[in-house]
Amino acid sequence: SRAVVIEGYGLTESSGVISCNPYEGENRLGSIGQPIPGTMVKLVDKEDPSKPAPDGEPGELVAKGPQMMAGYWNKPEATAEVFVDGFLRTGDVATIDEDGFIYIVDRLKDMIAVGGFKVFPSQIEDILYKHPAVKEALVIGIPDVYSGERPQAYVTMTDAGVTGEALMAWLNPQLGKHERVSDVVVRLNLPKTMIGKLDR
């Protein structure tokens, strides 16, 4: 027999899933699927969750449904911060395609503010992974006097002969002006969570 694996998405606060790819039907690579029955999702502005996300731009994913928590126990201030018009703020930045499939872009808290522009570290990491010598990649924001923050990359390598300087020279021409990294630091190991996931 064979197992069918489908990707879904949820939070502790949603006591289960918010969305999942269909068990039978099209699974879209990289998508967390469509909202489950009885669940509504939308994208709100990354800076001001009381406004909708601009058309065609990623926004913070918010969700509403019977599986959402009522609030944090004895923490009314925290509860007020995490709900907007009855929708739970997930803290994840996403896009939704024309068929309602959701794609997570990044965590809101991981976004890097470069001179008033928001930079998604995961998009820079995706390009780094296209280099054959890169084993693991993490991009974080570091303080910058001129622009507030600048992206900086940390990598582990499969080929010790490739330097951070060479990787940066390969990477930066593929990035927009505000996305360009200030440095590519080669490390033997990168920090990971308890479950082995790379930890910014």
Protein backbone atom coordinates (compact mmCIF):
# COMPACT_ATOMS: atom_id res chain seq x y z
CA SER A 1 0.00 0.00 0.00
CA ARG A 2 1.08 3.62 -0.38
CA ALA A 3 0.57 6.68 1.75
CA VAL A 4 -0.76 9.93 0.33
CA VAL A 5 1.01 12.92 1.87
CA ILE A 6 -0.65 16.32 1.59
CA GLU A 7 0.59 19.63 2.91
CA GLY A 8 -1.51 21.63 5.32
CA TYR A 9 -1.11 24.60 7.63
CA GLY A 10 -2.22 25.53 11.10
CA LEU A 11 -1.21 27.15 14.38
CA THR A 12 -1.58 26.27 18.04
CA GLU A 13 -4.16 29.09 18.12
CA SER A 14 -6.17 27.43 15.34
CA SER A 15 -6.34 24.10 17.24
CA GLY A 16 -5.76 22.26 14.00
CA VAL A 17 -5.49 23.24 10.38
CA ILE A 18 -6.58 26.39 8.60
CA SER A 19 -5.88 25.06 5.12
CA CYS A 20 -4.71 21.94 3.29
CA ASN A 21 -4.17 20.65 -0.20
CA PRO A 22 -6.96 18.37 -1.49
CA TYR A 23 -6.61 14.67 -0.62
CA GLU A 24 -7.96 13.87 -4.06
CA GLY A 25 -7.29 16.42 -6.76
CA GLU A 26 -4.59 18.90 -7.56
CA ASN A 27 -1.80 19.52 -5.08
CA ARG A 28 0.11 22.68 -5.89
CA LEU A 29 3.81 22.48 -5.11
CA GLY A 30 4.83 24.99 -2.44
CA SER A 31 1.23 25.74 -1.46
CA ILE A 32 -0.33 25.11 1.94
CA GLY A 33 -3.56 24.45 0.08
CA GLN A 34 -7.02 26.00 0.25
CA PRO A 35 -8.99 26.98 3.37
CA ILE A 36 -10.86 24.07 4.95
CA PRO A 37 -14.70 24.26 5.05
CA GLY A 38 -16.07 26.90 7.39
CA THR A 39 -12.79 28.84 7.40
CA MET A 40 -12.29 32.26 5.85
CA VAL A 41 -8.86 33.69 5.05
CA LYS A 42 -7.67 37.02 3.69
CA LEU A 43 -4.51 39.08 3.40
CA VAL A 44 -4.04 42.30 5.35
CA ASP A 45 -1.45 45.03 5.00
CA LYS A 46 1.91 44.08 6.52
CA GLU A 47 2.22 47.46 8.26
CA ASP A 48 -1.42 48.10 9.18
CA PRO A 49 -3.56 44.97 9.68
CA SER A 50 -6.74 47.06 9.72
CA LYS A 51 -6.31 47.56 5.94
CA PRO A 52 -6.39 44.97 3.16
CA ALA A 53 -3.09 44.09 1.48
CA PRO A 54 -2.50 46.04 -1.74
CA ASP A 55 -3.68 44.13 -4.84
CA GLY A 56 -1.10 41.71 -6.15
CA GLU A 57 1.18 42.09 -3.13
CA PRO A 58 1.87 39.64 -0.30
CA GLY A 59 0.14 40.41 2.98
CA GLU A 60 -0.24 38.98 6.45
CA LEU A 61 -2.50 35.93 6.42
CA VAL A 62 -5.47 36.21 8.78
CA ALA A 63 -8.11 33.52 9.34
CA LYS A 64 -11.55 33.12 10.90
CA GLY A 65 -13.40 29.91 11.68
CA PRO A 66 -14.87 27.68 14.39
CA GLN A 67 -11.45 26.12 15.14
CA MET A 68 -9.86 29.44 16.20
CA MET A 69 -9.15 30.08 19.86
CA ALA A 70 -11.32 32.53 21.78
CA GLY A 71 -8.22 34.20 23.24
CA TYR A 72 -5.17 33.75 25.42
CA TRP A 73 -5.98 32.74 29.00
CA ASN A 74 -5.99 35.81 31.28
CA LYS A 75 -4.10 37.88 28.68
CA PRO A 76 -6.60 40.36 27.21
CA GLU A 77 -3.88 42.66 25.80
CA ALA A 78 -2.19 39.81 23.90
CA THR A 79 -5.60 38.63 22.67
CA ALA A 80 -6.47 42.11 21.39
CA GLU A 81 -3.17 42.26 19.46
CA VAL A 82 -3.69 38.95 17.68
CA PHE A 83 -7.23 39.55 16.41
CA VAL A 84 -8.33 42.05 13.77
CA ASP A 85 -12.08 42.27 12.97
CA GLY A 86 -12.53 38.77 14.38
CA PHE A 87 -9.75 37.30 12.22
CA LEU A 88 -6.73 35.68 13.85
CA ARG A 89 -3.40 37.18 12.76
CA THR A 90 -1.03 34.35 11.87
CA GLY A 91 2.18 36.39 11.65
CA ASP A 92 2.86 34.75 8.28
CA VAL A 93 3.19 36.71 5.05
CA ALA A 94 1.44 34.98 2.16
CA THR A 95 -0.04 35.22 -1.31
CA ILE A 96 -3.32 33.65 -2.48
CA ASP A 97 -3.75 32.64 -6.12
CA GLU A 98 -6.89 32.92 -8.23
CA ASP A 99 -8.05 29.43 -7.16
CA GLY A 100 -7.65 30.13 -3.45
CA PHE A 101 -4.38 28.25 -2.95
CA ILE A 102 -2.24 29.92 -0.28
CA TYR A 103 1.55 30.29 -0.46
CA ILE A 104 3.57 31.29 2.61
CA VAL A 105 6.28 33.82 1.72
CA ASP A 106 7.86 34.48 5.12
CA ARG A 107 7.30 35.19 8.79
CA LEU A 108 6.31 38.80 9.44
CA LYS A 109 8.90 39.08 12.22
CA ASP A 110 11.67 37.82 9.90
CA MET A 111 11.16 40.51 7.26
CA ILE A 112 14.05 42.93 6.91
CA ALA A 113 13.35 46.69 6.71
CA VAL A 114 15.83 48.24 4.26
CA GLY A 115 15.38 51.98 3.77
CA GLY A 116 11.59 51.74 4.01
CA PHE A 117 11.40 48.61 1.81
CA LYS A 118 10.44 45.18 3.14
CA VAL A 119 12.81 42.39 2.12
CA PHE A 120 11.84 38.71 2.38
CA PRO A 121 14.86 36.69 3.61
CA SER A 122 13.38 33.43 2.26
CA GLN A 123 13.51 34.78 -1.30
CA ILE A 124 17.24 35.49 -0.97
CA GLU A 125 17.75 32.06 0.59
CA ASP A 126 15.93 30.43 -2.35
CA ILE A 127 18.46 31.96 -4.76
CA LEU A 128 21.40 30.89 -2.57
CA TYR A 129 20.14 27.30 -2.69
CA LYS A 130 20.50 27.36 -6.49
CA HIS A 131 24.29 27.52 -6.09
CA PRO A 132 25.69 23.96 -6.17
CA ALA A 133 28.14 24.62 -3.31
CA VAL A 134 25.47 25.83 -0.82
CA LYS A 135 24.22 23.20 1.62
CA GLU A 136 22.22 25.42 4.03
CA ALA A 137 21.38 29.13 3.97
CA LEU A 138 19.97 31.66 6.43
CA VAL A 139 19.47 35.38 5.79
CA ILE A 140 18.90 37.84 8.63
CA GLY A 141 18.75 41.61 9.02
CA ILE A 142 21.70 43.34 10.66
CA PRO A 143 21.72 46.97 11.84
CA ASP A 144 22.81 49.56 9.28
CA VAL A 145 23.33 53.26 10.03
CA TYR A 146 22.19 54.39 6.57
CA SER A 147 19.25 52.12 5.77
CA GLY A 148 18.17 50.80 9.20
CA GLU A 149 18.87 47.17 8.32
CA ARG A 150 20.78 45.22 5.67
CA PRO A 151 20.41 41.55 4.72
CA GLN A 152 23.34 39.34 5.65
CA ALA A 153 23.64 35.68 4.62
CA TYR A 154 25.06 32.72 6.53
CA VAL A 155 25.73 29.45 4.73
CA THR A 156 27.18 25.99 5.15
CA MET A 157 28.91 24.53 2.11
CA THR A 158 29.27 21.26 0.24
CA ASP A 159 32.42 22.63 -1.45
CA ALA A 160 35.00 24.18 0.89
CA GLY A 161 36.78 25.76 -2.09
CA VAL A 162 34.00 28.34 -2.63
CA THR A 163 34.42 31.50 -0.52
CA GLY A 164 31.82 33.80 0.94
CA GLU A 165 33.16 36.62 -1.23
CA ALA A 166 32.69 34.53 -4.38
CA LEU A 167 29.15 33.61 -3.31
CA MET A 168 28.29 37.25 -2.68
CA ALA A 169 29.66 38.24 -6.10
CA TRP A 170 27.44 35.53 -7.63
CA LEU A 171 24.36 36.36 -5.53
CA ASN A 172 24.06 40.15 -5.49
CA PRO A 173 23.68 40.72 -9.25
CA GLN A 174 20.57 38.49 -9.08
CA LEU A 175 18.94 40.64 -6.38
CA GLY A 176 17.14 43.96 -6.33
CA LYS A 177 18.96 46.98 -4.92
CA HIS A 178 17.44 46.69 -1.43
CA GLU A 179 17.83 42.90 -1.29
CA ARG A 180 21.61 42.83 -1.84
CA VAL A 181 23.48 41.25 1.04
CA SER A 182 26.26 43.03 2.93
CA ASP A 183 28.16 39.77 3.41
CA VAL A 184 27.99 36.00 2.97
CA VAL A 185 29.46 34.31 6.05
CA VAL A 186 30.54 30.67 5.72
CA ARG A 187 29.97 28.59 8.86
CA LEU A 188 30.49 24.94 9.76
CA ASN A 189 26.98 24.81 11.28
CA LEU A 190 23.87 26.99 11.39
CA PRO A 191 21.46 27.25 14.34
CA LYS A 192 18.52 24.86 14.32
CA THR A 193 15.35 24.43 16.34
CA MET A 194 14.66 21.34 18.48
CA ILE A 195 13.05 19.66 15.46
CA GLY A 196 16.06 20.35 13.21
CA LYS A 197 14.63 23.30 11.30
CA LEU A 198 16.98 26.19 10.48
CA ASP A 199 16.45 28.95 13.03
CA ARG A 200 16.90 32.61 12.12
